[in-house]
Structures are given as structure tokens and as C-alpha cells.
């Protein structure tokens, strides 16, 4: 019913007096209802409603507003869930696309190792006047062991080294008095420098490690193979010297110098050092 333009809600068995009471915002009396934007939107619509100081009225308004606001919250929660699901699906599709891209690139490249192209820096330029006249190709088996005093402390590597040793004479060591020229007789007298080993190294394409072991109580030694290679170079260089590479280098140097001057019609005489 309406009294003086004021609308009142009548509940069965709930009206105890016909006198209108002051207008009260019913939302402020709903137990447990949080203040949200949705609740604030409902306040202007509910102000004209007459309130009663009865438990049944409070329960009624509480049920009505909880039903209205709860439905809106349910719709909002469903929208949030849909947004989250769409975001998860888009992220999964992006990750799947990235994975497929890397997989296709690796498959088409054939899993070949990648070589990074870095700059090459020229550090030094040297002038050489070496007459290399002989080369020895030698092979040696090197067994290098690093043994500690405790059991299980032995590191071992076996290397089959294929080495190359070169020898000749360094023409930069010649002095002006080492060359005498007789124009009338078209004759040259030469004193060649002492022969020397000019280079010694291992052929990496034919050098290989045939055995390598690390002790039970030892860590992997990355420098073990490098030490074995250095020992192999020193041994091969020493063996070439004992085999007479310097004598062969001196004889071949004289042959090449004599052949050069004979081609231009000059005679050559060598003086011993």
C-alpha cells in the first residue's frame, strides 16, 4: 500500500503498525553485503522503500539483493573466465609456433654445427728469407701418464702423433763477405749459413688419441692431450735431428743454389764454414 506518496512493501504477518516510519536505505541493513559498484547502482532505486524493524523484512531484502547482485557477479566471473581461457590458448599457440619454427629450421639445416664468423686480426708481419730444402715426415706413439700417490689417481692418454719437420738455411744470416763475385771468370764463391730446423708440427688430420682414461678419484684434465701433443712435437724434432736432417738440408741447399746460378751461366764454389 501507499501512504502520502510513499511506497511500502507489505510482508505477511510482518506489519505491526500502520504508522509510516522514516525512509532508510535498505542496503545498509543487509547483513554481509559488501560495498561494490553494483550495490551503489542499486541504492537510488531502493531509497523510497519503507523499512520495518523486523527480522523477516531484513531477511527478505537480503535475499532479494543477494539474488540480484549475485547474478551480476556470476556473469562477470564467467566473462573473466572466458578472457583467461582465451589468453591461455593464445599463449599456447604462440609457444607452439615458436617451437615449430625452431624445429623446422634445425630439420632443414641437417643438425650441422654452427660456426660463428668472427673477425681475424693481423698482429704481426715478418720478412723471411728461408731456403727450406728438406722435409721429414715422422710418426710416434706417445703415452703420457699423470699419476698421484693415492689409488685411483692416474690420468692417462695415448696419442698416435704424425709429425712433420722441415729444415733449411736462413739467407738473412748471410753477410756481404760471404759472397764473392768474379765477373771475368763468371764465378761466384758463397759461404752458406749453418742449416737449421725451420718448422716442426703435428698433422692434425692424421694425429689421433687412441686411448684416454681418468682415475676414479681424479677430475677430467683438459690439458692432458695438449701436453701429450707438445711432448710428441719435441720428440719428433729431436728424432729428426738425430736422423741427419741438418746434413740433408745443407746438401740440398748447395744443390739448389748451384742449379740456380748454372741456369744463368755462372759457376758456383762453396766455402766451408
Protein backbone atom coordinates (compact mmCIF):
# COMPACT_ATOMS: atom_id res chain seq x y z
CA UNK A 1 0.00 0.00 0.00
CA UNK A 2 0.97 3.70 -0.36
CA UNK A 3 0.89 6.34 2.39
CA UNK A 4 1.46 10.01 1.46
CA UNK A 5 3.16 9.09 -1.78
CA UNK A 6 5.47 6.65 -0.02
CA UNK A 7 5.57 3.10 -1.27
CA UNK A 8 5.81 0.37 1.34
CA UNK A 9 6.42 -3.32 1.00
CA UNK A 10 3.96 -5.47 2.91
CA UNK A 11 5.01 -8.89 4.12
CA UNK A 12 2.50 -11.40 5.51
CA UNK A 13 2.47 -11.23 9.28
CA UNK A 14 5.14 -8.58 9.30
CA UNK A 15 3.08 -5.30 9.68
CA UNK A 16 2.59 -4.36 13.33
CA UNK A 17 1.73 -0.67 12.88
CA UNK A 18 0.11 1.46 10.20
CA UNK A 19 2.29 4.48 11.01
CA UNK A 20 4.93 5.21 8.35
CA UNK A 21 8.49 5.13 9.59
CA UNK A 22 11.37 7.28 8.28
CA UNK A 23 12.92 6.25 4.99
CA UNK A 24 16.05 4.17 5.45
CA UNK A 25 18.44 2.81 2.84
CA UNK A 26 17.78 -0.95 2.97
CA UNK A 27 21.18 -1.81 1.56
CA UNK A 28 22.79 -0.53 4.74
CA UNK A 29 20.97 -3.16 6.71
CA UNK A 30 21.59 -6.18 4.56
CA UNK A 31 23.90 -8.39 6.54
CA UNK A 32 27.16 -9.43 4.85
CA UNK A 33 26.63 -7.38 1.63
CA UNK A 34 29.92 -5.71 0.54
CA UNK A 35 30.03 -2.18 -0.87
CA UNK A 36 30.64 -2.61 -4.60
CA UNK A 37 29.88 -0.52 -7.72
CA UNK A 38 26.93 -2.81 -8.40
CA UNK A 39 25.49 -2.19 -4.93
CA UNK A 40 25.97 1.56 -5.30
CA UNK A 41 23.95 1.47 -8.54
CA UNK A 42 21.02 -0.08 -6.70
CA UNK A 43 20.91 2.48 -3.86
CA UNK A 44 18.81 5.20 -5.67
CA UNK A 45 16.16 2.62 -6.58
CA UNK A 46 15.84 1.32 -3.06
CA UNK A 47 15.69 4.57 -1.06
CA UNK A 48 11.88 5.06 -1.42
CA UNK A 49 11.20 1.67 0.06
CA UNK A 50 9.77 1.71 3.55
CA UNK A 51 11.64 -0.39 6.06
CA UNK A 52 10.35 -2.16 9.11
CA UNK A 53 12.32 -3.13 12.20
CA UNK A 54 11.53 -6.82 11.79
CA UNK A 55 13.82 -9.76 11.15
CA UNK A 56 11.61 -11.01 8.31
CA UNK A 57 11.96 -7.73 6.39
CA UNK A 58 15.74 -7.76 6.74
CA UNK A 59 15.82 -11.38 5.57
CA UNK A 60 13.61 -10.53 2.61
CA UNK A 61 15.71 -7.58 1.43
CA UNK A 62 18.86 -9.59 1.99
CA UNK A 63 17.61 -12.41 -0.21
CA UNK A 64 16.41 -10.01 -2.95
CA UNK A 65 19.60 -8.02 -3.22
CA UNK A 66 21.86 -11.05 -2.89
CA UNK A 67 19.97 -12.66 -5.77
CA UNK A 68 20.29 -9.56 -8.00
CA UNK A 69 23.93 -8.75 -7.22
CA UNK A 70 24.95 -12.39 -7.16
CA UNK A 71 23.61 -12.88 -10.68
CA UNK A 72 25.62 -9.94 -11.94
CA UNK A 73 28.76 -11.21 -10.19
CA UNK A 74 28.18 -14.60 -11.75
CA UNK A 75 28.06 -13.02 -15.23
CA UNK A 76 31.23 -11.03 -14.52
CA UNK A 77 33.05 -14.13 -13.27
CA UNK A 78 32.05 -16.01 -16.43
CA UNK A 79 33.43 -13.19 -18.60
CA UNK A 80 36.70 -13.20 -16.65
CA UNK A 81 37.00 -16.96 -17.05
CA UNK A 82 36.48 -16.66 -20.81
CA UNK A 83 39.15 -13.94 -21.06
CA UNK A 84 41.61 -16.09 -19.10
CA UNK A 85 40.91 -19.13 -21.29
CA UNK A 86 41.40 -17.11 -24.48
CA UNK A 87 44.69 -15.67 -23.14
CA UNK A 88 45.96 -19.15 -22.23
CA UNK A 89 45.05 -20.51 -25.67
CA UNK A 90 46.78 -17.62 -27.44
CA UNK A 91 49.93 -18.09 -25.32
CA UNK A 92 49.96 -21.83 -26.04
CA UNK A 93 49.56 -21.17 -29.78
CA UNK A 94 52.44 -18.67 -29.70
CA UNK A 95 54.75 -21.09 -27.88
CA UNK A 96 53.79 -23.90 -30.24
CA UNK A 97 54.55 -21.69 -33.26
CA UNK A 98 57.97 -20.75 -31.87
CA UNK A 99 58.80 -24.41 -31.17
CA UNK A 100 57.72 -25.47 -34.66
CA UNK A 101 59.85 -22.70 -36.17
CA UNK A 102 62.99 -23.84 -34.35
CA UNK A 103 62.25 -27.48 -35.14
CA UNK A 104 61.80 -26.82 -38.86
CA UNK A 105 64.99 -24.73 -39.01
CA UNK A 106 67.01 -27.46 -37.28
CA UNK A 107 65.50 -30.13 -39.51
CA UNK A 108 66.25 -28.27 -42.73
CA UNK A 109 69.81 -27.45 -41.62
CA UNK A 110 70.53 -31.14 -41.00
CA UNK A 111 71.73 -30.55 -37.42
CA UNK A 112 75.06 -29.28 -38.72
CA UNK A 113 77.36 -27.50 -36.23
CA UNK A 114 77.25 -23.72 -36.34
CA UNK A 115 80.48 -21.84 -36.96
CA UNK A 116 80.42 -18.24 -35.81
CA UNK A 117 82.18 -15.88 -38.20
CA UNK A 118 84.45 -13.65 -36.11
CA UNK A 119 86.96 -11.05 -37.21
CA UNK A 120 90.55 -12.09 -37.96
CA UNK A 121 93.13 -9.64 -36.63
CA UNK A 122 96.59 -9.29 -38.24
CA UNK A 123 99.04 -8.93 -35.35
CA UNK A 124 102.48 -9.09 -36.94
CA UNK A 125 104.24 -9.23 -40.33
CA UNK A 126 107.74 -10.72 -40.60
CA UNK A 127 110.11 -10.82 -43.54
CA UNK A 128 111.55 -14.27 -44.18
CA UNK A 129 114.36 -15.41 -46.40
CA UNK A 130 114.44 -19.06 -45.51
CA UNK A 131 115.51 -21.61 -48.08
CA UNK A 132 113.68 -24.74 -46.95
CA UNK A 133 115.27 -27.70 -48.65
CA UNK A 134 114.10 -30.87 -46.85
CA UNK A 135 111.08 -32.21 -45.00
CA UNK A 136 110.87 -35.26 -42.73
CA UNK A 137 107.54 -36.97 -42.08
CA UNK A 138 107.66 -38.97 -38.84
CA UNK A 139 105.26 -40.90 -36.65
CA UNK A 140 105.45 -41.62 -32.94
CA UNK A 141 103.25 -43.14 -30.23
CA UNK A 142 103.20 -41.02 -27.08
CA UNK A 143 101.90 -42.36 -23.75
CA UNK A 144 101.56 -39.66 -21.12
CA UNK A 145 100.61 -40.53 -17.54
CA UNK A 146 99.85 -38.22 -14.64
CA UNK A 147 99.97 -40.41 -11.53
CA UNK A 148 99.22 -39.30 -7.97
CA UNK A 149 100.25 -41.06 -4.78
CA UNK A 150 96.75 -42.29 -3.86
CA UNK A 151 94.92 -45.22 -5.51
CA UNK A 152 92.67 -44.23 -8.39
CA UNK A 153 94.69 -41.09 -9.05
CA UNK A 154 96.06 -41.93 -12.51
CA UNK A 155 95.22 -39.97 -15.64
CA UNK A 156 96.48 -41.45 -18.89
CA UNK A 157 96.41 -40.62 -22.59
CA UNK A 158 97.82 -42.48 -25.60
CA UNK A 159 98.46 -40.44 -28.73
CA UNK A 160 99.49 -41.53 -32.21
CA UNK A 161 101.37 -38.47 -33.45
CA UNK A 162 102.01 -37.82 -37.13
CA UNK A 163 104.66 -35.09 -37.28
CA UNK A 164 106.40 -33.02 -39.95
CA UNK A 165 109.87 -31.46 -39.55
CA UNK A 166 111.34 -29.01 -42.07
CA UNK A 167 114.94 -27.76 -42.32
CA UNK A 168 116.97 -25.39 -44.49
CA UNK A 169 119.18 -22.29 -44.39
CA UNK A 170 118.28 -18.73 -43.40
CA UNK A 171 119.66 -16.41 -46.09
CA UNK A 172 119.13 -13.39 -43.85
CA UNK A 173 122.10 -14.54 -41.80
CA UNK A 174 124.49 -14.11 -44.74
CA UNK A 175 126.96 -11.21 -44.62
CA UNK A 176 128.46 -9.26 -47.55
CA UNK A 177 131.81 -11.05 -47.19
CA UNK A 178 130.06 -14.41 -47.56
CA UNK A 179 129.56 -13.74 -51.29
CA UNK A 180 132.46 -13.05 -53.68
CA UNK A 181 131.88 -12.43 -57.38
CA UNK A 182 134.45 -12.81 -60.20
CA UNK A 183 132.95 -11.14 -63.25
CA UNK A 184 135.79 -12.11 -65.55
CA UNK A 185 135.54 -15.77 -64.77
CA UNK A 186 131.75 -15.59 -64.19
CA UNK A 187 132.24 -17.32 -60.90
CA UNK A 188 130.57 -16.88 -57.51
CA UNK A 189 132.05 -18.02 -54.21
CA UNK A 190 129.41 -18.49 -51.49
CA UNK A 191 129.55 -19.35 -47.81
CA UNK A 192 126.09 -20.60 -46.81
CA UNK A 193 124.76 -20.16 -43.25
CA UNK A 194 124.53 -23.11 -40.88
CA UNK A 195 121.43 -25.21 -41.63
CA UNK A 196 118.66 -25.24 -39.05
CA UNK A 197 115.25 -26.70 -38.38
CA UNK A 198 112.75 -24.13 -39.63
CA UNK A 199 109.48 -25.74 -38.56
CA UNK A 200 108.06 -28.74 -36.72
CA UNK A 201 104.40 -29.54 -36.10
CA UNK A 202 101.79 -32.28 -35.99
CA UNK A 203 99.46 -33.14 -38.84
CA UNK A 204 96.06 -32.84 -37.12
CA UNK A 205 94.28 -34.78 -39.86
CA UNK A 206 96.36 -37.89 -39.11
CA UNK A 207 97.11 -37.44 -35.39
CA UNK A 208 94.59 -39.10 -33.09
CA UNK A 209 94.03 -40.09 -29.48
CA UNK A 210 93.57 -43.86 -29.28
CA UNK A 211 93.12 -44.16 -25.52
CA UNK A 212 92.27 -41.88 -22.65
CA UNK A 213 91.45 -42.72 -19.03
CA UNK A 214 90.71 -40.69 -15.92
CA UNK A 215 91.35 -42.01 -12.41
CA UNK A 216 88.43 -42.80 -10.14
CA UNK A 217 89.43 -40.08 -7.69
CA UNK A 218 90.65 -37.61 -10.31
CA UNK A 219 88.84 -34.94 -12.30
CA UNK A 220 88.99 -34.65 -16.08
CA UNK A 221 92.21 -32.91 -17.17
CA UNK A 222 91.53 -30.89 -20.31
CA UNK A 223 95.24 -30.07 -20.74
CA UNK A 224 96.40 -33.69 -20.76
CA UNK A 225 96.09 -34.12 -24.53
CA UNK A 226 97.78 -30.77 -25.19
CA UNK A 227 100.73 -31.78 -23.04
CA UNK A 228 100.99 -35.08 -24.91
CA UNK A 229 100.99 -33.21 -28.24
CA UNK A 230 103.79 -30.91 -27.09
CA UNK A 231 105.85 -33.90 -25.97
CA UNK A 232 105.27 -35.53 -29.35
CA UNK A 233 106.49 -32.41 -31.23
CA UNK A 234 109.65 -32.22 -29.10
CA UNK A 235 110.38 -35.94 -29.55
CA UNK A 236 109.83 -35.83 -33.32
CA UNK A 237 112.02 -32.74 -33.66
CA UNK A 238 114.79 -34.43 -31.69
CA UNK A 239 114.46 -37.66 -33.67
CA UNK A 240 114.72 -35.76 -36.97
CA UNK A 241 117.92 -34.08 -35.79
CA UNK A 242 119.41 -37.46 -34.86
CA UNK A 243 118.34 -38.85 -38.23
CA UNK A 244 120.52 -36.27 -40.03
CA UNK A 245 118.00 -33.71 -41.23
CA UNK A 246 120.52 -30.83 -40.87
CA UNK A 247 123.10 -32.58 -43.06
CA UNK A 248 120.47 -33.29 -45.69
CA UNK A 249 119.32 -29.67 -45.56
CA UNK A 250 122.87 -28.37 -46.19
CA UNK A 251 123.48 -30.70 -49.13
CA UNK A 252 120.16 -29.87 -50.79
CA UNK A 253 120.71 -26.15 -50.26
CA UNK A 254 124.00 -26.30 -52.15
CA UNK A 255 122.39 -28.25 -54.96
CA UNK A 256 119.57 -25.71 -55.36
CA UNK A 257 121.90 -22.68 -55.26
CA UNK A 258 124.29 -24.25 -57.79
CA UNK A 259 121.38 -25.12 -60.10
CA UNK A 260 120.12 -21.53 -59.94
CA UNK A 261 123.45 -19.94 -60.95
CA UNK A 262 124.15 -22.52 -63.62
CA UNK A 263 120.92 -21.56 -65.36
CA UNK A 264 122.27 -18.03 -65.89
CA UNK A 265 125.75 -19.26 -66.93
CA UNK A 266 127.68 -18.77 -63.70
CA UNK A 267 129.82 -21.20 -61.79
CA UNK A 268 129.44 -21.63 -58.04
CA UNK A 269 132.01 -22.58 -55.43
CA UNK A 270 131.03 -23.18 -51.80
CA UNK A 271 133.30 -22.38 -48.91
CA UNK A 272 133.08 -24.38 -45.70
CA UNK A 273 132.14 -22.51 -42.58
